[in-house]
């Protein structure tokens, strides 16, 4: 891990420790919204060879037998900008199937809650992803497919540390007694060759489904 990666790691892990920091006068967090508890999420995902934008715009997926099982904790920040709410999430992921490694992701989330007063929310997350080993399916060899005319000119070697992006649609309201459900694209990204040149960069996508519930309702 070089100095640049270490700096980014500190940025995206620091909120975990900032939660311990308190305003001594009011005994309140100086970073998170104390009026809202941490939330627990569990989700399952299936690997897709398709890039992020075709998945989102055309629902085009080409699945492989590689899976993720994730557990995460998230909490709203004490900050809002117009219709955007902000959160921080940390999740731990176990890979199964073709890939067997572990993965840890820390990221910030911009969220639009209850669009048009409906129990429907949309989120975009940005952060850092750390894998316990170089993920097998993120590496690519030089190849040419005559049927699709797809040509991989350069081989691609992925890295343990990559950028993390998630796009999510959630159904439900925070004050419901039932868990909220969500669909998430779990995306590790080389950021157009920034982390692992050449472009097209390395990375992976998992189409994921999960549930979410506030911890204060699970543990009164």
Protein backbone atom coordinates (compact mmCIF):
# COMPACT_ATOMS: atom_id res chain seq x y z
CA UNK A 1 0.00 0.00 0.00
CA UNK A 2 1.53 3.32 -1.07
CA UNK A 3 1.08 6.72 0.64
CA UNK A 4 -1.71 7.73 -1.75
CA UNK A 5 -3.75 4.59 -0.99
CA UNK A 6 -3.06 4.92 2.74
CA UNK A 7 -4.38 8.50 2.72
CA UNK A 8 -7.59 7.44 1.02
CA UNK A 9 -7.95 4.56 3.45
CA UNK A 10 -7.79 6.98 6.38
CA UNK A 11 -10.41 9.23 4.80
CA UNK A 12 -12.91 6.46 4.30
CA UNK A 13 -12.28 4.60 7.57
CA UNK A 14 -12.11 7.66 9.84
CA UNK A 15 -15.92 8.00 10.28
CA UNK A 16 -15.91 4.75 12.24
CA UNK A 17 -13.66 6.37 14.81
CA UNK A 18 -15.34 9.78 14.57
CA UNK A 19 -18.47 8.12 15.87
CA UNK A 20 -16.63 7.79 19.19
CA UNK A 21 -15.89 11.50 19.27
CA UNK A 22 -18.37 13.51 21.34
CA UNK A 23 -19.18 17.13 21.99
CA UNK A 24 -18.31 17.13 25.69
CA UNK A 25 -20.86 19.85 26.46
CA UNK A 26 -23.85 18.11 24.91
CA UNK A 27 -22.51 14.53 24.83
CA UNK A 28 -23.47 14.28 21.16
CA UNK A 29 -21.61 12.98 18.12
CA UNK A 30 -19.82 15.65 16.11
CA UNK A 31 -20.13 13.78 12.82
CA UNK A 32 -23.23 11.54 12.85
CA UNK A 33 -26.92 12.27 13.40
CA UNK A 34 -27.57 11.08 16.96
CA UNK A 35 -31.33 11.15 16.39
CA UNK A 36 -30.99 8.15 14.07
CA UNK A 37 -29.43 4.83 14.96
CA UNK A 38 -27.03 2.64 13.05
CA UNK A 39 -28.72 0.33 10.57
CA UNK A 40 -27.92 -3.29 9.79
CA UNK A 41 -28.06 -4.53 6.20
CA UNK A 42 -27.72 -8.04 4.81
CA UNK A 43 -27.46 -8.68 1.09
CA UNK A 44 -26.63 -11.31 -1.51
CA UNK A 45 -25.23 -10.68 -4.98
CA UNK A 46 -24.39 -12.45 -8.23
CA UNK A 47 -21.38 -11.55 -10.41
CA UNK A 48 -22.10 -9.92 -13.77
CA UNK A 49 -19.58 -9.60 -16.59
CA UNK A 50 -21.50 -6.60 -17.92
CA UNK A 51 -20.17 -3.11 -17.18
CA UNK A 52 -21.94 -0.81 -14.74
CA UNK A 53 -23.71 1.51 -17.21
CA UNK A 54 -25.23 -1.26 -19.39
CA UNK A 55 -26.58 -2.88 -16.22
CA UNK A 56 -28.19 0.38 -15.12
CA UNK A 57 -29.41 1.66 -18.49
CA UNK A 58 -30.29 -1.55 -20.37
CA UNK A 59 -30.64 -4.12 -17.57
CA UNK A 60 -28.05 -6.10 -19.54
CA UNK A 61 -26.47 -8.80 -17.38
CA UNK A 62 -24.19 -11.72 -18.11
CA UNK A 63 -23.94 -13.69 -14.88
CA UNK A 64 -21.19 -16.01 -13.69
CA UNK A 65 -21.28 -18.45 -10.78
CA UNK A 66 -19.59 -16.17 -8.30
CA UNK A 67 -21.54 -14.81 -5.33
CA UNK A 68 -21.23 -12.36 -2.45
CA UNK A 69 -22.75 -12.42 1.03
CA UNK A 70 -22.48 -9.05 2.77
CA UNK A 71 -23.22 -7.58 6.18
CA UNK A 72 -23.05 -3.81 6.65
CA UNK A 73 -23.56 -1.04 9.18
CA UNK A 74 -24.65 2.43 8.09
CA UNK A 75 -25.58 5.67 9.83
CA UNK A 76 -26.84 9.08 8.64
CA UNK A 77 -24.43 12.02 8.91
CA UNK A 78 -25.38 15.23 10.67
CA UNK A 79 -25.52 17.08 7.35
CA UNK A 80 -28.04 17.65 4.57
CA UNK A 81 -27.88 19.57 1.29
CA UNK A 82 -31.23 20.45 -0.29
CA UNK A 83 -32.96 17.12 -1.04
CA UNK A 84 -29.82 15.04 -0.46
CA UNK A 85 -29.18 13.18 2.77
CA UNK A 86 -25.74 11.77 3.53
CA UNK A 87 -24.69 8.56 5.25
CA UNK A 88 -21.63 6.48 5.93
CA UNK A 89 -21.49 2.71 5.46
CA UNK A 90 -18.95 -0.01 6.20
CA UNK A 91 -19.53 -3.54 4.97
CA UNK A 92 -17.80 -6.89 5.11
CA UNK A 93 -18.22 -9.22 2.15
CA UNK A 94 -17.54 -12.96 1.72
CA UNK A 95 -17.09 -14.23 -1.83
CA UNK A 96 -18.17 -17.74 -2.82
CA UNK A 97 -18.23 -19.75 -6.02
CA UNK A 98 -15.48 -18.90 -8.52
CA UNK A 99 -13.92 -16.40 -6.09
CA UNK A 100 -13.36 -17.22 -2.41
CA UNK A 101 -11.79 -14.11 -0.89
CA UNK A 102 -12.99 -11.49 1.61
CA UNK A 103 -13.70 -7.83 0.88
CA UNK A 104 -14.07 -4.71 3.07
CA UNK A 105 -15.71 -1.51 1.79
CA UNK A 106 -16.04 1.92 3.41
CA UNK A 107 -17.95 4.65 1.62
CA UNK A 108 -20.09 7.78 1.82
CA UNK A 109 -23.65 7.79 0.50
CA UNK A 110 -25.81 10.53 -1.05
CA UNK A 111 -29.44 9.54 -0.68
CA UNK A 112 -32.80 10.88 -1.86
CA UNK A 113 -35.40 9.70 0.64
CA UNK A 114 -39.05 8.94 -0.13
CA UNK A 115 -39.22 10.25 -3.69
CA UNK A 116 -42.59 11.97 -4.37
CA UNK A 117 -43.63 11.00 -0.81
CA UNK A 118 -43.53 7.34 -1.84
CA UNK A 119 -41.72 4.65 0.17
CA UNK A 120 -38.95 4.70 -2.42
CA UNK A 121 -35.37 5.96 -2.02
CA UNK A 122 -32.36 6.16 -4.33
CA UNK A 123 -28.71 6.18 -3.27
CA UNK A 124 -25.26 6.61 -4.75
CA UNK A 125 -22.18 5.60 -2.76
CA UNK A 126 -18.48 6.37 -3.27
CA UNK A 127 -15.51 5.06 -1.32
CA UNK A 128 -12.72 2.50 -1.11
CA UNK A 129 -12.70 -1.28 -1.49
CA UNK A 130 -10.08 -3.62 -0.04
CA UNK A 131 -9.95 -7.29 -1.12
CA UNK A 132 -7.99 -9.94 0.78
CA UNK A 133 -6.46 -11.05 -2.53
CA UNK A 134 -6.45 -10.07 -6.19
CA UNK A 135 -9.98 -11.01 -7.37
CA UNK A 136 -9.72 -13.64 -10.09
CA UNK A 137 -12.60 -12.40 -12.25
CA UNK A 138 -11.27 -8.83 -12.31
CA UNK A 139 -8.23 -9.91 -14.33
CA UNK A 140 -8.51 -10.19 -18.10
CA UNK A 141 -6.34 -11.77 -20.79
CA UNK A 142 -5.98 -10.59 -24.38
CA UNK A 143 -8.82 -12.10 -26.43
CA UNK A 144 -11.03 -11.68 -29.49
CA UNK A 145 -14.60 -12.96 -29.79
CA UNK A 146 -15.54 -13.30 -33.50
CA UNK A 147 -19.25 -13.65 -32.69
CA UNK A 148 -19.56 -10.36 -30.83
CA UNK A 149 -16.48 -8.68 -32.35
CA UNK A 150 -15.37 -7.95 -28.79
CA UNK A 151 -11.63 -7.34 -28.64
CA UNK A 152 -9.54 -7.13 -25.47
CA UNK A 153 -6.34 -5.54 -26.78
CA UNK A 154 -4.39 -5.48 -23.52
CA UNK A 155 -4.33 -7.84 -20.58
CA UNK A 156 -5.62 -6.35 -17.32
CA UNK A 157 -4.22 -7.08 -13.89
CA UNK A 158 -6.48 -6.00 -11.05
CA UNK A 159 -5.42 -4.92 -7.55
CA UNK A 160 -6.54 -5.61 -4.01
CA UNK A 161 -7.41 -1.93 -3.41
CA UNK A 162 -9.83 -0.29 -5.84
CA UNK A 163 -12.45 2.42 -5.86
CA UNK A 164 -15.90 1.39 -4.64
CA UNK A 165 -19.22 2.57 -6.08
CA UNK A 166 -22.74 1.45 -5.25
CA UNK A 167 -26.06 2.38 -6.83
CA UNK A 168 -29.16 1.43 -4.88
CA UNK A 169 -32.96 1.53 -4.96
CA UNK A 170 -34.69 0.98 -1.61
CA UNK A 171 -38.33 0.24 -0.85
CA UNK A 172 -39.73 1.11 2.57
CA UNK A 173 -39.62 3.77 5.28
CA UNK A 174 -37.28 4.04 8.23
CA UNK A 175 -40.12 4.13 10.77
CA UNK A 176 -41.74 0.95 9.46
CA UNK A 177 -41.66 -2.09 11.74
CA UNK A 178 -40.82 -4.31 8.78
CA UNK A 179 -37.30 -4.41 7.22
CA UNK A 180 -36.77 -2.28 4.15
CA UNK A 181 -35.76 -4.05 0.93
CA UNK A 182 -33.21 -2.86 -1.62
CA UNK A 183 -31.61 -3.62 -4.97
CA UNK A 184 -27.93 -2.65 -5.16
CA UNK A 185 -25.22 -2.68 -7.82
CA UNK A 186 -22.04 -3.50 -5.86
CA UNK A 187 -19.19 -2.17 -8.00
CA UNK A 188 -15.40 -2.28 -7.61
CA UNK A 189 -13.80 0.11 -10.09
CA UNK A 190 -10.38 0.86 -11.52
CA UNK A 191 -11.67 4.36 -12.42
CA UNK A 192 -10.86 4.30 -16.15
CA UNK A 193 -7.32 3.02 -15.67
CA UNK A 194 -6.44 5.12 -12.60
CA UNK A 195 -5.92 2.13 -10.31
CA UNK A 196 -4.94 -0.50 -12.86
CA UNK A 197 -4.19 0.74 -16.37
CA UNK A 198 -4.80 0.33 -19.26
CA UNK A 199 -8.33 1.48 -19.96
CA UNK A 200 -10.84 -0.26 -20.00
CA UNK A 201 -9.95 -0.64 -16.36
CA UNK A 202 -10.29 -3.57 -14.02
CA UNK A 203 -13.26 -4.00 -11.71
CA UNK A 204 -16.34 -6.10 -11.03
CA UNK A 205 -20.10 -5.83 -10.65
CA UNK A 206 -22.54 -7.76 -8.49
CA UNK A 207 -26.29 -7.38 -8.84
CA UNK A 208 -27.42 -7.61 -5.23
CA UNK A 209 -30.61 -7.88 -3.17
CA UNK A 210 -30.95 -7.23 0.54
CA UNK A 211 -32.84 -6.09 3.61
CA UNK A 212 -32.13 -3.26 6.07
CA UNK A 213 -33.32 -2.59 9.64
CA UNK A 214 -32.46 -0.02 12.34
CA UNK A 215 -30.42 -1.45 15.20
CA UNK A 216 -32.44 0.43 17.85
CA UNK A 217 -35.47 -1.65 16.85
CA UNK A 218 -33.49 -4.89 16.93
CA UNK A 219 -31.78 -4.00 20.22
CA UNK A 220 -34.12 -1.72 22.25
